[in-house]
N, C-alpha and C. Protein backbone atom coordinates (compact mmCIF):
# COMPACT_ATOMS: atom_id res chain seq x y z
N MET A 1 69.45 100.68 61.33
CA MET A 1 70.27 100.95 61.55
C MET A 1 70.44 99.52 60.43
N LYS A 2 71.94 99.14 60.12
CA LYS A 2 72.02 98.04 59.50
C LYS A 2 73.59 97.85 59.80
N LEU A 3 73.90 96.77 59.29
CA LEU A 3 74.95 95.61 59.51
C LEU A 3 76.12 95.55 58.47
N MET A 4 77.33 96.36 59.16
CA MET A 4 78.17 95.96 58.28
C MET A 4 79.67 94.88 58.99
N PRO A 5 79.82 93.90 58.63
CA PRO A 5 80.96 93.36 59.07
C PRO A 5 82.20 93.85 57.93
N ILE A 6 83.17 93.79 58.86
CA ILE A 6 85.00 94.80 58.05
C ILE A 6 85.75 93.35 58.37
N VAL A 7 86.19 93.38 56.97
CA VAL A 7 87.59 92.19 57.19
C VAL A 7 88.91 93.23 57.09
N TYR A 8 89.59 92.83 57.93
CA TYR A 8 91.04 93.94 57.98
C TYR A 8 92.36 92.85 57.20
N VAL A 9 92.45 93.68 56.61
CA VAL A 9 93.72 93.29 55.41
C VAL A 9 94.67 94.08 55.34
N SER A 10 95.73 93.16 54.93
CA SER A 10 97.58 93.82 54.82
C SER A 10 97.40 94.96 53.14
N ASP A 11 96.43 94.78 52.11
CA ASP A 11 96.67 94.85 51.05
C ASP A 11 94.80 95.30 50.82
N VAL A 12 94.57 96.35 50.55
CA VAL A 12 92.95 96.75 50.10
C VAL A 12 93.09 96.26 48.51
N GLU A 13 93.81 96.94 47.64
CA GLU A 13 93.70 96.21 46.24
C GLU A 13 93.56 94.98 46.49
N ARG A 14 94.74 94.13 46.65
CA ARG A 14 94.78 92.55 46.42
C ARG A 14 93.11 91.85 47.06
N ALA A 15 92.88 92.57 48.28
CA ALA A 15 91.47 92.11 48.98
C ALA A 15 90.45 92.49 47.82
N LEU A 16 90.42 93.66 47.26
CA LEU A 16 89.53 93.63 46.34
C LEU A 16 89.55 92.93 45.16
N THR A 17 90.29 92.64 44.57
CA THR A 17 90.78 91.65 43.39
C THR A 17 90.03 90.52 43.50
N PHE A 18 90.33 89.62 44.81
CA PHE A 18 90.25 88.49 45.71
C PHE A 18 88.40 88.52 45.59
N TYR A 19 87.94 89.49 46.08
CA TYR A 19 86.40 89.36 46.45
C TYR A 19 85.72 89.86 45.43
N LYS A 20 85.75 90.96 44.32
CA LYS A 20 85.76 90.62 42.95
C LYS A 20 85.44 89.59 42.43
N LEU A 21 86.42 88.92 42.31
CA LEU A 21 86.05 86.94 41.73
C LEU A 21 85.36 86.47 41.93
N LEU A 22 84.84 86.83 43.51
CA LEU A 22 83.65 86.03 44.27
C LEU A 22 82.03 86.70 44.06
N GLY A 23 82.30 87.70 43.05
CA GLY A 23 81.11 88.29 42.65
C GLY A 23 80.61 89.14 43.18
N LEU A 24 81.44 90.15 44.35
CA LEU A 24 80.64 91.10 45.10
C LEU A 24 81.66 92.13 44.33
N GLN A 25 80.23 93.50 44.23
CA GLN A 25 80.84 94.87 43.34
C GLN A 25 81.35 95.79 44.16
N GLU A 26 82.42 96.73 44.04
CA GLU A 26 82.71 97.44 44.47
C GLU A 26 81.75 98.78 44.44
N THR A 27 81.24 99.22 45.44
CA THR A 27 80.60 100.13 46.09
C THR A 27 81.01 101.74 46.33
N ALA A 28 82.57 101.70 47.06
CA ALA A 28 82.72 102.92 47.82
C ALA A 28 84.19 102.67 48.13
N ASN A 29 85.00 103.44 47.62
CA ASN A 29 86.44 103.43 48.78
C ASN A 29 87.25 104.47 49.29
N ALA A 30 88.16 104.58 49.66
CA ALA A 30 89.14 105.83 49.99
C ALA A 30 89.96 105.98 48.79
N PRO A 31 90.46 107.27 48.50
CA PRO A 31 91.49 107.02 47.27
C PRO A 31 92.93 106.21 47.69
N SER A 32 92.99 106.05 49.08
CA SER A 32 94.49 106.04 49.52
C SER A 32 95.14 104.55 49.33
N PRO A 33 94.33 103.63 49.02
CA PRO A 33 93.36 103.24 49.50
C PRO A 33 93.11 102.54 50.59
N MET A 34 92.74 102.95 51.53
CA MET A 34 92.75 102.78 53.12
C MET A 34 91.54 101.30 53.34
N TRP A 35 90.55 101.69 52.63
CA TRP A 35 89.10 101.07 52.81
C TRP A 35 88.41 101.30 51.58
N ALA A 36 87.55 100.01 52.04
CA ALA A 36 86.56 100.31 50.57
C ALA A 36 85.44 99.30 50.88
N GLU A 37 84.26 99.12 49.70
CA GLU A 37 83.01 98.56 50.61
C GLU A 37 82.94 97.85 49.30
N LEU A 38 82.10 96.88 49.32
CA LEU A 38 81.66 95.80 48.16
C LEU A 38 80.20 95.33 48.66
N ARG A 39 79.56 95.00 47.59
CA ARG A 39 78.25 94.51 47.88
C ARG A 39 77.65 93.37 47.25
N LEU A 40 76.86 92.04 47.47
CA LEU A 40 76.43 90.80 47.24
C LEU A 40 75.13 91.06 47.69
N GLY A 41 74.06 91.30 46.92
CA GLY A 41 72.96 91.37 46.83
C GLY A 41 72.65 92.81 47.85
N ASP A 42 72.00 92.09 49.41
CA ASP A 42 71.70 93.22 50.23
C ASP A 42 72.73 93.34 51.18
N ALA A 43 73.66 92.55 50.87
CA ALA A 43 74.90 92.44 51.60
C ALA A 43 75.74 93.71 51.40
N THR A 44 76.22 94.13 52.33
CA THR A 44 77.80 94.89 52.06
C THR A 44 79.00 94.54 53.10
N LEU A 45 80.21 94.17 52.12
CA LEU A 45 81.43 93.85 53.20
C LEU A 45 82.35 95.13 53.18
N GLY A 46 82.65 95.56 54.18
CA GLY A 46 83.55 96.82 54.51
C GLY A 46 85.18 95.90 54.08
N ILE A 47 86.21 96.28 53.96
CA ILE A 47 87.56 95.99 53.71
C ILE A 47 88.80 97.10 53.90
N HIS A 48 89.18 96.94 55.11
CA HIS A 48 89.94 98.26 56.20
C HIS A 48 91.81 97.56 56.04
N ARG A 49 92.61 98.25 55.61
CA ARG A 49 93.84 98.10 56.19
C ARG A 49 94.11 98.20 57.36
N ASP A 50 94.96 97.47 57.49
CA ASP A 50 95.81 97.68 58.85
C ASP A 50 96.99 97.04 58.95
N ASP A 51 97.96 97.72 58.82
CA ASP A 51 99.43 97.71 58.80
C ASP A 51 99.91 96.98 59.46
N ALA A 52 99.52 96.97 60.34
CA ALA A 52 100.38 96.32 61.72
C ALA A 52 99.91 94.65 61.42
N LEU A 53 98.84 94.24 61.05
CA LEU A 53 98.40 93.08 60.79
C LEU A 53 99.34 92.20 60.25
N SER A 54 99.78 90.53 60.92
CA SER A 54 100.05 89.47 60.63
C SER A 54 99.66 88.40 59.98
N SER A 55 99.67 87.60 59.85
CA SER A 55 99.08 86.63 59.32
C SER A 55 98.09 85.19 60.19
N ASP A 56 99.42 85.40 61.31
CA ASP A 56 98.76 84.68 62.52
C ASP A 56 97.49 85.52 63.55
N GLN A 57 97.35 86.45 63.04
CA GLN A 57 96.72 87.63 63.97
C GLN A 57 94.87 86.86 63.98
N PRO A 58 94.55 86.91 65.16
CA PRO A 58 93.01 86.65 64.94
C PRO A 58 92.09 88.19 64.99
N ASN A 59 90.98 87.98 65.40
CA ASN A 59 90.07 88.90 64.95
C ASN A 59 90.29 89.85 63.78
N ARG A 60 90.19 89.14 62.57
CA ARG A 60 90.75 90.31 61.70
C ARG A 60 89.30 90.74 60.80
N VAL A 61 88.20 90.60 61.49
CA VAL A 61 87.10 90.61 61.41
C VAL A 61 86.00 91.66 62.44
N SER A 62 85.49 92.33 62.28
CA SER A 62 85.09 93.36 63.12
C SER A 62 83.18 93.45 62.65
N LEU A 63 82.57 93.63 63.79
CA LEU A 63 81.10 93.92 63.27
C LEU A 63 80.66 95.60 63.74
N ASN A 64 80.35 96.29 62.57
CA ASN A 64 79.91 97.08 62.31
C ASN A 64 78.95 97.95 62.17
N PHE A 65 78.23 99.04 62.58
CA PHE A 65 76.68 99.06 62.42
C PHE A 65 76.40 100.63 61.79
N VAL A 66 75.58 100.72 60.78
CA VAL A 66 75.57 102.14 60.06
C VAL A 66 74.18 102.64 60.47
N SER A 67 74.69 103.71 61.61
CA SER A 67 73.37 103.48 61.91
C SER A 67 72.42 105.23 60.57
N SER A 68 71.43 105.09 60.99
CA SER A 68 70.28 106.25 60.67
C SER A 68 69.97 107.29 61.10
N ALA A 69 70.34 107.17 62.48
CA ALA A 69 70.06 108.19 63.48
C ALA A 69 71.09 109.09 63.81
N PRO A 70 70.94 109.93 64.40
CA PRO A 70 72.27 110.36 65.07
C PRO A 70 73.01 109.87 66.22
N LEU A 71 74.27 109.61 66.36
CA LEU A 71 74.84 109.05 67.44
C LEU A 71 74.44 109.48 68.54
N GLU A 72 74.20 111.03 68.81
CA GLU A 72 74.18 111.02 70.08
C GLU A 72 73.06 110.64 70.65
N LEU A 73 71.83 110.23 70.23
CA LEU A 73 70.85 109.75 70.30
C LEU A 73 71.31 108.21 71.08
N LEU A 74 72.02 107.57 70.39
CA LEU A 74 72.21 106.04 70.92
C LEU A 74 73.52 106.29 72.10
N VAL A 75 73.87 107.33 71.98
CA VAL A 75 74.82 107.46 73.35
C VAL A 75 74.08 107.47 74.49
N GLU A 76 72.81 108.48 74.09
CA GLU A 76 72.39 109.01 75.00
C GLU A 76 71.38 107.62 75.97
N ARG A 77 70.74 106.50 74.88
CA ARG A 77 70.15 105.78 74.86
C ARG A 77 70.82 104.62 75.78
N LEU A 78 72.15 104.19 75.45
CA LEU A 78 73.41 103.24 76.19
C LEU A 78 73.87 104.17 77.39
N ARG A 79 74.11 105.04 77.48
CA ARG A 79 74.21 105.61 79.11
C ARG A 79 73.19 105.66 79.76
N ALA A 80 71.83 105.86 79.49
CA ALA A 80 70.76 105.50 80.14
C ALA A 80 70.78 104.05 80.78
N LYS A 81 71.06 103.24 80.24
CA LYS A 81 71.23 101.37 80.80
C LYS A 81 72.37 101.60 81.64
N GLY A 82 73.34 102.32 81.90
CA GLY A 82 74.71 102.27 82.38
C GLY A 82 75.77 101.74 81.60
N ILE A 83 75.65 101.98 80.22
CA ILE A 83 76.27 101.46 79.30
C ILE A 83 77.54 102.73 78.60
N THR A 84 78.90 102.92 78.73
CA THR A 84 79.95 103.71 78.67
C THR A 84 80.58 103.54 77.29
N PRO A 85 80.42 104.35 76.20
CA PRO A 85 81.01 104.13 75.33
C PRO A 85 82.40 103.42 75.15
N ALA A 86 83.08 102.76 74.41
CA ALA A 86 84.49 102.28 74.81
C ALA A 86 85.56 103.72 74.09
N ARG A 87 84.95 104.15 72.98
CA ARG A 87 85.27 105.42 72.56
C ARG A 87 84.21 106.32 72.23
N GLU A 88 84.14 107.67 72.46
CA GLU A 88 83.18 108.93 72.30
C GLU A 88 83.24 108.72 70.57
N ILE A 89 81.94 109.59 70.23
CA ILE A 89 81.89 109.67 69.02
C ILE A 89 83.44 110.32 68.42
N ALA A 90 83.40 110.18 67.19
CA ALA A 90 85.00 110.50 66.85
C ALA A 90 84.78 111.22 65.13
N ASP A 91 85.20 112.28 64.45
CA ASP A 91 85.00 112.34 62.93
C ASP A 91 85.85 111.36 62.19
N GLU A 92 85.68 110.75 61.44
CA GLU A 92 86.24 110.13 60.38
C GLU A 92 86.04 110.48 58.86
N ALA A 93 86.81 109.80 58.12
CA ALA A 93 86.97 110.39 56.67
C ALA A 93 85.06 110.23 55.92
N PHE A 94 84.55 109.22 56.58
CA PHE A 94 83.34 108.96 55.87
C PHE A 94 82.15 109.75 56.82
N GLY A 95 82.34 110.34 57.59
CA GLY A 95 81.36 110.83 58.74
C GLY A 95 82.01 110.48 59.94
N ARG A 96 80.94 109.66 61.10
CA ARG A 96 81.33 109.87 62.59
C ARG A 96 81.20 108.50 63.11
N SER A 97 81.97 108.14 63.93
CA SER A 97 81.96 106.91 64.65
C SER A 97 82.04 106.89 66.12
N LEU A 98 81.66 105.47 66.81
CA LEU A 98 81.58 105.67 68.25
C LEU A 98 82.04 104.09 67.95
N VAL A 99 82.50 103.82 69.24
CA VAL A 99 82.81 102.57 69.41
C VAL A 99 82.33 102.31 70.85
N VAL A 100 81.82 100.95 71.23
CA VAL A 100 81.49 100.27 72.21
C VAL A 100 81.00 98.52 72.56
N ARG A 101 81.66 98.37 73.29
CA ARG A 101 81.53 96.96 73.87
C ARG A 101 80.70 96.46 74.06
N ASP A 102 80.52 95.09 73.51
CA ASP A 102 78.97 94.10 74.02
C ASP A 102 79.18 93.59 75.12
N PRO A 103 77.96 92.74 75.62
CA PRO A 103 78.65 92.13 77.19
C PRO A 103 79.98 91.49 77.52
N ASP A 104 80.34 90.61 76.41
CA ASP A 104 81.67 89.96 76.79
C ASP A 104 82.94 90.80 76.15
N GLY A 105 82.64 91.64 75.86
CA GLY A 105 83.71 92.97 75.73
C GLY A 105 84.03 92.87 74.08
N LEU A 106 83.64 92.49 73.25
CA LEU A 106 83.90 92.69 71.58
C LEU A 106 83.60 94.22 71.43
N LEU A 107 84.43 94.42 70.92
CA LEU A 107 84.54 96.05 70.06
C LEU A 107 83.41 96.08 68.83
N ILE A 108 82.35 97.45 69.00
CA ILE A 108 81.69 97.16 68.07
C ILE A 108 81.34 98.43 67.63
N GLN A 109 81.76 98.78 66.30
CA GLN A 109 81.46 100.57 65.75
C GLN A 109 80.66 100.67 65.35
N ILE A 110 80.05 101.74 65.20
CA ILE A 110 78.67 101.88 65.15
C ILE A 110 79.32 103.79 64.20
N ASN A 111 78.66 103.11 62.89
CA ASN A 111 79.02 104.76 61.86
C ASN A 111 77.69 105.33 61.69
N GLU A 112 78.34 106.77 61.35
CA GLU A 112 77.16 107.55 61.07
C GLU A 112 77.78 108.50 59.48
N HIS A 113 77.04 108.12 58.36
CA HIS A 113 77.79 108.28 57.24
C HIS A 113 77.25 109.73 56.65
N ASP A 114 78.22 110.27 56.45
CA ASP A 114 78.02 111.88 56.10
C ASP A 114 77.87 111.86 54.33
N PRO A 115 76.87 111.98 53.91
CA PRO A 115 76.52 112.09 52.41
C PRO A 115 77.95 112.86 51.56
N ASP A 116 77.95 113.81 52.18
CA ASP A 116 78.90 114.68 51.43
C ASP A 116 80.78 113.99 51.50
N LEU A 117 80.57 113.08 52.32
CA LEU A 117 82.03 112.70 52.77
C LEU A 117 82.23 110.94 52.14
N TYR A 118 81.15 110.52 52.50
CA TYR A 118 81.36 109.11 51.86
C TYR A 118 81.12 109.11 50.23
N ALA A 119 81.82 108.33 49.38
CA ALA A 119 82.13 108.35 48.40
C ALA A 119 82.06 106.79 47.62
């Protein structure tokens, strides 16, 4: 599994311009532009548009993991330990995702990328 932080922004293109100035390279995006990914060395940063975002809103960054295993296996492991997903597996433009809460209630998204959808 790989960790990928996501920054929520009001304008993906503007954010891309800024992060590229810092030396990150764009590696994937959605045509709309709803989201994009950038890399710096071995690190990946996701940028996602949030139309309801205000400048004083906290929690503009979230933890996301990219799973190399099917999400059903992870759900099975979590349920065996008494952990119920906050959101069941859902289809996404990039593949599928699952949302769980950590012990302090932080939402964590776990993604499974479909190479045919993920560009």
